[in-house]
Amino acid sequence: MIRFKLAEQLEKKQFRDSRRITIQEVSEATGINRSTLSKILNLKGYSTGTDVLDKLCAYFGCRIEDLVEHVAD
């Protein structure tokens, strides 16, 4: 199963920027629908496309392995 580490990336960015960052802010900055971000954060096993992952990596300034990981079932 693929596990998204979006919450961890949000925490790191909030720490770096010394402020709270909302899902709405990420949505507006990336063009990713807010409901898609919410599903990535809250639904175990949610599947998304590479375009979404690319936008999130660009926004957080991270590599793909910082955003997703494979977890054995």
N, C-alpha and C. Protein backbone atom coordinates (compact mmCIF):
# COMPACT_ATOMS: atom_id res chain seq x y z
N MET A 1 0.85 -1.17 0.00
CA MET A 1 0.00 0.00 0.00
C MET A 1 0.90 1.24 0.00
N ILE A 2 0.44 2.27 -0.64
CA ILE A 2 1.14 3.55 -0.66
C ILE A 2 0.59 4.42 0.45
N ARG A 3 1.48 4.97 1.25
CA ARG A 3 1.10 5.88 2.34
C ARG A 3 1.60 7.28 1.99
N PHE A 4 0.70 8.24 2.06
CA PHE A 4 1.07 9.63 1.81
C PHE A 4 1.57 10.27 3.09
N LYS A 5 2.60 11.07 2.97
CA LYS A 5 3.17 11.77 4.12
C LYS A 5 2.90 13.27 4.02
N LEU A 6 1.67 13.59 3.59
CA LEU A 6 1.28 14.98 3.43
C LEU A 6 1.25 15.72 4.77
N ALA A 7 0.75 15.08 5.80
CA ALA A 7 0.70 15.72 7.12
C ALA A 7 2.10 16.08 7.60
N GLU A 8 3.05 15.18 7.39
CA GLU A 8 4.43 15.44 7.80
C GLU A 8 5.03 16.62 7.04
N GLN A 9 4.73 16.69 5.74
CA GLN A 9 5.25 17.80 4.93
C GLN A 9 4.61 19.12 5.35
N LEU A 10 3.33 19.09 5.70
CA LEU A 10 2.67 20.29 6.21
C LEU A 10 3.33 20.77 7.50
N GLU A 11 3.60 19.84 8.40
CA GLU A 11 4.24 20.19 9.67
C GLU A 11 5.61 20.81 9.44
N LYS A 12 6.40 20.22 8.55
CA LYS A 12 7.74 20.75 8.26
C LYS A 12 7.66 22.17 7.69
N LYS A 13 6.74 22.38 6.75
CA LYS A 13 6.60 23.71 6.14
C LYS A 13 6.12 24.73 7.16
N GLN A 14 5.20 24.34 8.02
CA GLN A 14 4.72 25.25 9.07
C GLN A 14 5.87 25.64 10.00
N PHE A 15 6.72 24.69 10.32
CA PHE A 15 7.87 24.96 11.19
C PHE A 15 8.84 25.90 10.49
N ARG A 16 9.16 25.60 9.21
CA ARG A 16 10.09 26.45 8.45
C ARG A 16 9.57 27.87 8.29
N ASP A 17 8.27 27.99 8.01
CA ASP A 17 7.67 29.30 7.77
C ASP A 17 7.19 30.00 9.04
N SER A 18 7.25 29.29 10.16
CA SER A 18 6.81 29.82 11.47
C SER A 18 5.37 30.35 11.43
N ARG A 19 4.51 29.59 10.79
CA ARG A 19 3.09 29.96 10.73
C ARG A 19 2.26 28.75 10.36
N ARG A 20 0.96 28.85 10.61
CA ARG A 20 0.02 27.78 10.29
C ARG A 20 -0.31 27.83 8.80
N ILE A 21 -0.32 26.67 8.17
CA ILE A 21 -0.66 26.56 6.76
C ILE A 21 -1.89 25.67 6.65
N THR A 22 -2.92 26.19 5.99
CA THR A 22 -4.17 25.45 5.87
C THR A 22 -4.21 24.65 4.57
N ILE A 23 -5.09 23.68 4.54
CA ILE A 23 -5.31 22.90 3.32
C ILE A 23 -5.82 23.81 2.21
N GLN A 24 -6.63 24.79 2.57
CA GLN A 24 -7.14 25.74 1.58
C GLN A 24 -5.97 26.51 0.94
N GLU A 25 -5.00 26.90 1.73
CA GLU A 25 -3.83 27.61 1.21
C GLU A 25 -3.04 26.72 0.24
N VAL A 26 -2.85 25.46 0.62
CA VAL A 26 -2.15 24.52 -0.26
C VAL A 26 -2.94 24.34 -1.55
N SER A 27 -4.25 24.23 -1.44
CA SER A 27 -5.12 24.07 -2.60
C SER A 27 -4.98 25.26 -3.55
N GLU A 28 -5.04 26.46 -3.02
CA GLU A 28 -4.93 27.66 -3.85
C GLU A 28 -3.56 27.78 -4.50
N ALA A 29 -2.51 27.41 -3.77
CA ALA A 29 -1.15 27.54 -4.29
C ALA A 29 -0.82 26.49 -5.35
N THR A 30 -1.45 25.32 -5.24
CA THR A 30 -1.11 24.21 -6.15
C THR A 30 -2.14 23.98 -7.24
N GLY A 31 -3.36 24.46 -7.04
CA GLY A 31 -4.43 24.19 -7.99
C GLY A 31 -5.07 22.83 -7.78
N ILE A 32 -4.71 22.16 -6.69
CA ILE A 32 -5.29 20.86 -6.35
C ILE A 32 -6.56 21.10 -5.56
N ASN A 33 -7.62 20.43 -5.94
CA ASN A 33 -8.90 20.59 -5.25
C ASN A 33 -8.74 20.28 -3.76
N ARG A 34 -9.40 21.08 -2.95
CA ARG A 34 -9.32 20.91 -1.49
C ARG A 34 -9.80 19.52 -1.06
N SER A 35 -10.83 19.01 -1.71
CA SER A 35 -11.35 17.69 -1.33
C SER A 35 -10.32 16.59 -1.65
N THR A 36 -9.55 16.76 -2.72
CA THR A 36 -8.50 15.80 -3.05
C THR A 36 -7.44 15.80 -1.95
N LEU A 37 -7.04 16.97 -1.50
CA LEU A 37 -6.05 17.06 -0.42
C LEU A 37 -6.58 16.43 0.86
N SER A 38 -7.84 16.67 1.14
CA SER A 38 -8.46 16.09 2.33
C SER A 38 -8.48 14.56 2.25
N LYS A 39 -8.77 14.03 1.07
CA LYS A 39 -8.78 12.58 0.90
C LYS A 39 -7.37 12.01 1.07
N ILE A 40 -6.38 12.68 0.54
CA ILE A 40 -4.99 12.23 0.70
C ILE A 40 -4.64 12.19 2.18
N LEU A 41 -5.07 13.19 2.93
CA LEU A 41 -4.77 13.25 4.36
C LEU A 41 -5.54 12.22 5.19
N ASN A 42 -6.78 11.93 4.81
CA ASN A 42 -7.66 11.18 5.71
C ASN A 42 -8.08 9.79 5.26
N LEU A 43 -7.99 9.48 3.97
CA LEU A 43 -8.47 8.18 3.50
C LEU A 43 -7.31 7.21 3.28
N LYS A 44 -7.28 6.18 4.06
CA LYS A 44 -6.26 5.15 3.92
C LYS A 44 -6.43 4.47 2.57
N GLY A 45 -5.36 4.35 1.81
CA GLY A 45 -5.41 3.69 0.52
C GLY A 45 -5.90 4.55 -0.62
N TYR A 46 -6.06 5.85 -0.40
CA TYR A 46 -6.52 6.74 -1.47
C TYR A 46 -5.50 6.75 -2.61
N SER A 47 -5.98 6.79 -3.84
CA SER A 47 -5.12 6.79 -5.01
C SER A 47 -5.24 8.13 -5.73
N THR A 48 -4.12 8.66 -6.17
CA THR A 48 -4.12 9.92 -6.91
C THR A 48 -3.13 9.85 -8.05
N GLY A 49 -3.19 10.81 -8.93
CA GLY A 49 -2.34 10.80 -10.11
C GLY A 49 -0.98 11.45 -9.88
N THR A 50 -0.09 11.21 -10.82
CA THR A 50 1.26 11.76 -10.71
C THR A 50 1.28 13.28 -10.84
N ASP A 51 0.30 13.85 -11.53
CA ASP A 51 0.25 15.31 -11.64
C ASP A 51 0.04 15.96 -10.27
N VAL A 52 -0.78 15.34 -9.44
CA VAL A 52 -1.01 15.85 -8.08
C VAL A 52 0.26 15.72 -7.26
N LEU A 53 0.92 14.58 -7.36
CA LEU A 53 2.16 14.38 -6.61
C LEU A 53 3.23 15.37 -7.05
N ASP A 54 3.30 15.63 -8.34
CA ASP A 54 4.27 16.59 -8.87
C ASP A 54 4.02 17.99 -8.30
N LYS A 55 2.77 18.41 -8.27
CA LYS A 55 2.42 19.73 -7.74
C LYS A 55 2.75 19.82 -6.25
N LEU A 56 2.49 18.75 -5.50
CA LEU A 56 2.79 18.77 -4.07
C LEU A 56 4.29 18.81 -3.81
N CYS A 57 5.05 18.05 -4.59
CA CYS A 57 6.51 18.08 -4.44
C CYS A 57 7.06 19.48 -4.73
N ALA A 58 6.53 20.11 -5.77
CA ALA A 58 6.97 21.46 -6.11
C ALA A 58 6.61 22.44 -4.99
N TYR A 59 5.41 22.34 -4.45
CA TYR A 59 4.97 23.25 -3.38
C TYR A 59 5.81 23.10 -2.12
N PHE A 60 6.06 21.85 -1.72
CA PHE A 60 6.80 21.62 -0.48
C PHE A 60 8.31 21.64 -0.70
N GLY A 61 8.74 21.64 -1.94
CA GLY A 61 10.18 21.61 -2.22
C GLY A 61 10.81 20.31 -1.76
N CYS A 62 10.11 19.21 -2.02
CA CYS A 62 10.59 17.91 -1.53
C CYS A 62 10.69 16.92 -2.69
N ARG A 63 11.30 15.79 -2.41
CA ARG A 63 11.37 14.69 -3.38
C ARG A 63 10.16 13.79 -3.18
N ILE A 64 9.88 12.98 -4.18
CA ILE A 64 8.71 12.11 -4.13
C ILE A 64 8.75 11.17 -2.92
N GLU A 65 9.94 10.68 -2.58
CA GLU A 65 10.05 9.77 -1.44
C GLU A 65 9.81 10.48 -0.09
N ASP A 66 9.83 11.80 -0.10
CA ASP A 66 9.48 12.56 1.10
C ASP A 66 7.97 12.69 1.25
N LEU A 67 7.26 12.41 0.18
CA LEU A 67 5.81 12.60 0.16
C LEU A 67 5.03 11.28 0.20
N VAL A 68 5.62 10.21 -0.34
CA VAL A 68 4.95 8.91 -0.35
C VAL A 68 5.91 7.82 0.05
N GLU A 69 5.37 6.74 0.60
CA GLU A 69 6.19 5.57 0.92
C GLU A 69 5.36 4.31 0.72
N HIS A 70 6.05 3.23 0.40
CA HIS A 70 5.39 1.94 0.27
C HIS A 70 5.42 1.23 1.61
N VAL A 71 4.25 0.78 2.02
CA VAL A 71 4.11 0.04 3.29
C VAL A 71 3.55 -1.32 2.96
N ALA A 72 4.21 -2.35 3.42
CA ALA A 72 3.73 -3.72 3.16
C ALA A 72 2.37 -3.92 3.81
N ASP A 73 1.49 -4.62 3.09
CA ASP A 73 0.14 -4.89 3.62
C ASP A 73 0.22 -5.81 4.75
